[in-house]
């Protein structure tokens, strides 16, 4: 996967990133990233690095997040989130009707 990561890094070098208005936990660190210079490096590293899912979800919970959406079919991430913290709520939205229901509930 390293050749793919290297190619992605090269492609991302031509993209202009701004400061993230909302902090997003990076897959490779589990910590938030906002700085434009960090974003392309972390995106390329995620191709060959383990995903720090639990750390990312812990950070989100520490920030006060209590509702999560898993977009797409299946409930894999919902199950993983339960293992991290079963007090957190996760809804799956896989179609337009579920998006509408989630929007009304939130």
C-alpha atoms as a PDB file:
ATOM      1  CA  UNK A   1       0.000   0.000   0.000  1.00  0.00           C
ATOM      2  CA  UNK A   2       2.980   2.334   0.349  1.00  0.00           C
ATOM      3  CA  UNK A   3       3.054   3.127  -3.402  1.00  0.00           C
ATOM      4  CA  UNK A   4      -0.612   4.159  -3.162  1.00  0.00           C
ATOM      5  CA  UNK A   5       0.143   6.328  -0.118  1.00  0.00           C
ATOM      6  CA  UNK A   6       3.052   7.966  -1.960  1.00  0.00           C
ATOM      7  CA  UNK A   7       0.888   8.675  -5.006  1.00  0.00           C
ATOM      8  CA  UNK A   8      -1.877  10.101  -2.820  1.00  0.00           C
ATOM      9  CA  UNK A   9       0.661  12.320  -1.048  1.00  0.00           C
ATOM     10  CA  UNK A  10       1.870  13.612  -4.426  1.00  0.00           C
ATOM     11  CA  UNK A  11      -1.696  14.336  -5.551  1.00  0.00           C
ATOM     12  CA  UNK A  12      -2.580  16.055  -2.278  1.00  0.00           C
ATOM     13  CA  UNK A  13       0.440  18.351  -2.688  1.00  0.00           C
ATOM     14  CA  UNK A  14      -1.480  20.149  -5.425  1.00  0.00           C
ATOM     15  CA  UNK A  15      -4.553  20.701  -3.238  1.00  0.00           C
ATOM     16  CA  UNK A  16      -4.910  23.856  -1.185  1.00  0.00           C
ATOM     17  CA  UNK A  17      -6.229  23.092   2.285  1.00  0.00           C
ATOM     18  CA  UNK A  18      -7.658  25.685   4.629  1.00  0.00           C
ATOM     19  CA  UNK A  19      -7.867  25.562   8.386  1.00  0.00           C
ATOM     20  CA  UNK A  20     -10.604  23.132   9.352  1.00  0.00           C
ATOM     21  CA  UNK A  21     -13.540  24.965  10.889  1.00  0.00           C
ATOM     22  CA  UNK A  22     -14.545  21.830  12.755  1.00  0.00           C
ATOM     23  CA  UNK A  23     -11.888  19.649  14.368  1.00  0.00           C
ATOM     24  CA  UNK A  24     -11.926  16.132  12.942  1.00  0.00           C
ATOM     25  CA  UNK A  25     -10.038  13.278  14.584  1.00  0.00           C
ATOM     26  CA  UNK A  26      -7.440  11.864  12.212  1.00  0.00           C
ATOM     27  CA  UNK A  27      -7.539   8.112  11.638  1.00  0.00           C
ATOM     28  CA  UNK A  28      -3.805   7.737  12.252  1.00  0.00           C
ATOM     29  CA  UNK A  29      -3.658   9.665  15.530  1.00  0.00           C
ATOM     30  CA  UNK A  30      -7.127   9.593  17.052  1.00  0.00           C
ATOM     31  CA  UNK A  31      -6.645  13.292  17.811  1.00  0.00           C
ATOM     32  CA  UNK A  32      -8.147  16.330  16.099  1.00  0.00           C
ATOM     33  CA  UNK A  33      -6.513  18.064  13.192  1.00  0.00           C
ATOM     34  CA  UNK A  34      -7.238  21.574  11.968  1.00  0.00           C
ATOM     35  CA  UNK A  35      -3.965  22.846  10.538  1.00  0.00           C
ATOM     36  CA  UNK A  36      -3.782  22.880   6.733  1.00  0.00           C
ATOM     37  CA  UNK A  37      -0.175  21.664   6.675  1.00  0.00           C
ATOM     38  CA  UNK A  38      -1.074  18.543   8.692  1.00  0.00           C
ATOM     39  CA  UNK A  39      -4.144  17.424   6.751  1.00  0.00           C
ATOM     40  CA  UNK A  40      -2.527  16.090   3.531  1.00  0.00           C
ATOM     41  CA  UNK A  41       0.223  14.280   5.445  1.00  0.00           C
ATOM     42  CA  UNK A  42      -2.302  12.551   7.713  1.00  0.00           C
ATOM     43  CA  UNK A  43      -4.560  11.648   4.781  1.00  0.00           C
ATOM     44  CA  UNK A  44      -1.656   9.963   2.993  1.00  0.00           C
ATOM     45  CA  UNK A  45      -0.475   8.187   6.150  1.00  0.00           C
ATOM     46  CA  UNK A  46      -3.911   6.687   6.769  1.00  0.00           C
ATOM     47  CA  UNK A  47      -3.480   4.475   3.698  1.00  0.00           C
ATOM     48  CA  UNK A  48      -0.705   2.494   5.446  1.00  0.00           C
ATOM     49  CA  UNK A  49      -1.414   3.103   9.132  1.00  0.00           C
ATOM     50  CA  UNK A  50      -3.721   1.444  11.646  1.00  0.00           C
ATOM     51  CA  UNK A  51      -6.998   3.237  12.276  1.00  0.00           C
ATOM     52  CA  UNK A  52      -7.212   4.674  15.789  1.00  0.00           C
ATOM     53  CA  UNK A  53     -10.981   4.228  15.927  1.00  0.00           C
ATOM     54  CA  UNK A  54     -11.322   3.862  19.704  1.00  0.00           C
ATOM     55  CA  UNK A  55      -9.095   6.872  20.388  1.00  0.00           C
ATOM     56  CA  UNK A  56     -11.082   8.954  17.887  1.00  0.00           C
ATOM     57  CA  UNK A  57     -14.397   8.025  19.484  1.00  0.00           C
ATOM     58  CA  UNK A  58     -13.066   8.650  22.997  1.00  0.00           C
ATOM     59  CA  UNK A  59     -11.964  12.108  21.886  1.00  0.00           C
ATOM     60  CA  UNK A  60     -15.387  12.829  20.371  1.00  0.00           C
ATOM     61  CA  UNK A  61     -17.090  11.742  23.598  1.00  0.00           C
ATOM     62  CA  UNK A  62     -14.719  13.921  25.639  1.00  0.00           C
ATOM     63  CA  UNK A  63     -15.850  16.870  23.510  1.00  0.00           C
ATOM     64  CA  UNK A  64     -19.473  16.159  24.420  1.00  0.00           C
ATOM     65  CA  UNK A  65     -20.612  14.203  21.364  1.00  0.00           C
ATOM     66  CA  UNK A  66     -23.353  11.778  22.319  1.00  0.00           C
ATOM     67  CA  UNK A  67     -25.066  11.131  18.960  1.00  0.00           C
ATOM     68  CA  UNK A  68     -23.312   9.522  15.995  1.00  0.00           C
ATOM     69  CA  UNK A  69     -24.431   8.664  12.471  1.00  0.00           C
ATOM     70  CA  UNK A  70     -23.139   5.741  10.475  1.00  0.00           C
ATOM     71  CA  UNK A  71     -23.765   6.559   6.835  1.00  0.00           C
ATOM     72  CA  UNK A  72     -24.215   3.628   4.485  1.00  0.00           C
ATOM     73  CA  UNK A  73     -25.434   0.073   4.711  1.00  0.00           C
ATOM     74  CA  UNK A  74     -24.577  -2.055   7.706  1.00  0.00           C
ATOM     75  CA  UNK A  75     -23.863  -1.385  11.335  1.00  0.00           C
ATOM     76  CA  UNK A  76     -20.191  -2.251  11.731  1.00  0.00           C
ATOM     77  CA  UNK A  77     -19.188   1.141  13.131  1.00  0.00           C
ATOM     78  CA  UNK A  78     -22.231   1.177  15.390  1.00  0.00           C
ATOM     79  CA  UNK A  79     -21.058  -2.101  16.932  1.00  0.00           C
ATOM     80  CA  UNK A  80     -17.511  -0.811  17.328  1.00  0.00           C
ATOM     81  CA  UNK A  81     -18.791   2.342  19.001  1.00  0.00           C
ATOM     82  CA  UNK A  82     -20.746   0.247  21.521  1.00  0.00           C
ATOM     83  CA  UNK A  83     -17.489  -1.477  22.483  1.00  0.00           C
ATOM     84  CA  UNK A  84     -15.830   1.897  23.065  1.00  0.00           C
ATOM     85  CA  UNK A  85     -18.690   3.386  25.070  1.00  0.00           C
ATOM     86  CA  UNK A  86     -22.114   1.782  25.205  1.00  0.00           C
ATOM     87  CA  UNK A  87     -23.658   5.022  26.507  1.00  0.00           C
ATOM     88  CA  UNK A  88     -23.154   6.686  23.113  1.00  0.00           C
ATOM     89  CA  UNK A  89     -25.983   6.522  20.603  1.00  0.00           C
ATOM     90  CA  UNK A  90     -25.368   5.663  16.955  1.00  0.00           C
ATOM     91  CA  UNK A  91     -27.968   5.714  14.192  1.00  0.00           C
ATOM     92  CA  UNK A  92     -27.495   4.078  10.827  1.00  0.00           C
ATOM     93  CA  UNK A  93     -28.626   6.078   7.815  1.00  0.00           C
ATOM     94  CA  UNK A  94     -28.584   4.102   4.592  1.00  0.00           C
ATOM     95  CA  UNK A  95     -31.325   5.749   2.562  1.00  0.00           C
ATOM     96  CA  UNK A  96     -33.236   9.002   2.186  1.00  0.00           C
ATOM     97  CA  UNK A  97     -35.952   7.999   4.646  1.00  0.00           C
ATOM     98  CA  UNK A  98     -33.432   7.188   7.364  1.00  0.00           C
ATOM     99  CA  UNK A  99     -31.679  10.516   6.736  1.00  0.00           C
ATOM    100  CA  UNK A 100     -35.027  12.292   7.186  1.00  0.00           C
ATOM    101  CA  UNK A 101     -35.761  10.375  10.391  1.00  0.00           C
ATOM    102  CA  UNK A 102     -32.305  11.086  11.807  1.00  0.00           C
ATOM    103  CA  UNK A 103     -32.602  14.795  10.963  1.00  0.00           C
ATOM    104  CA  UNK A 104     -35.957  14.971  12.766  1.00  0.00           C
ATOM    105  CA  UNK A 105     -34.605  13.127  15.795  1.00  0.00           C
ATOM    106  CA  UNK A 106     -31.495  15.264  16.088  1.00  0.00           C
END
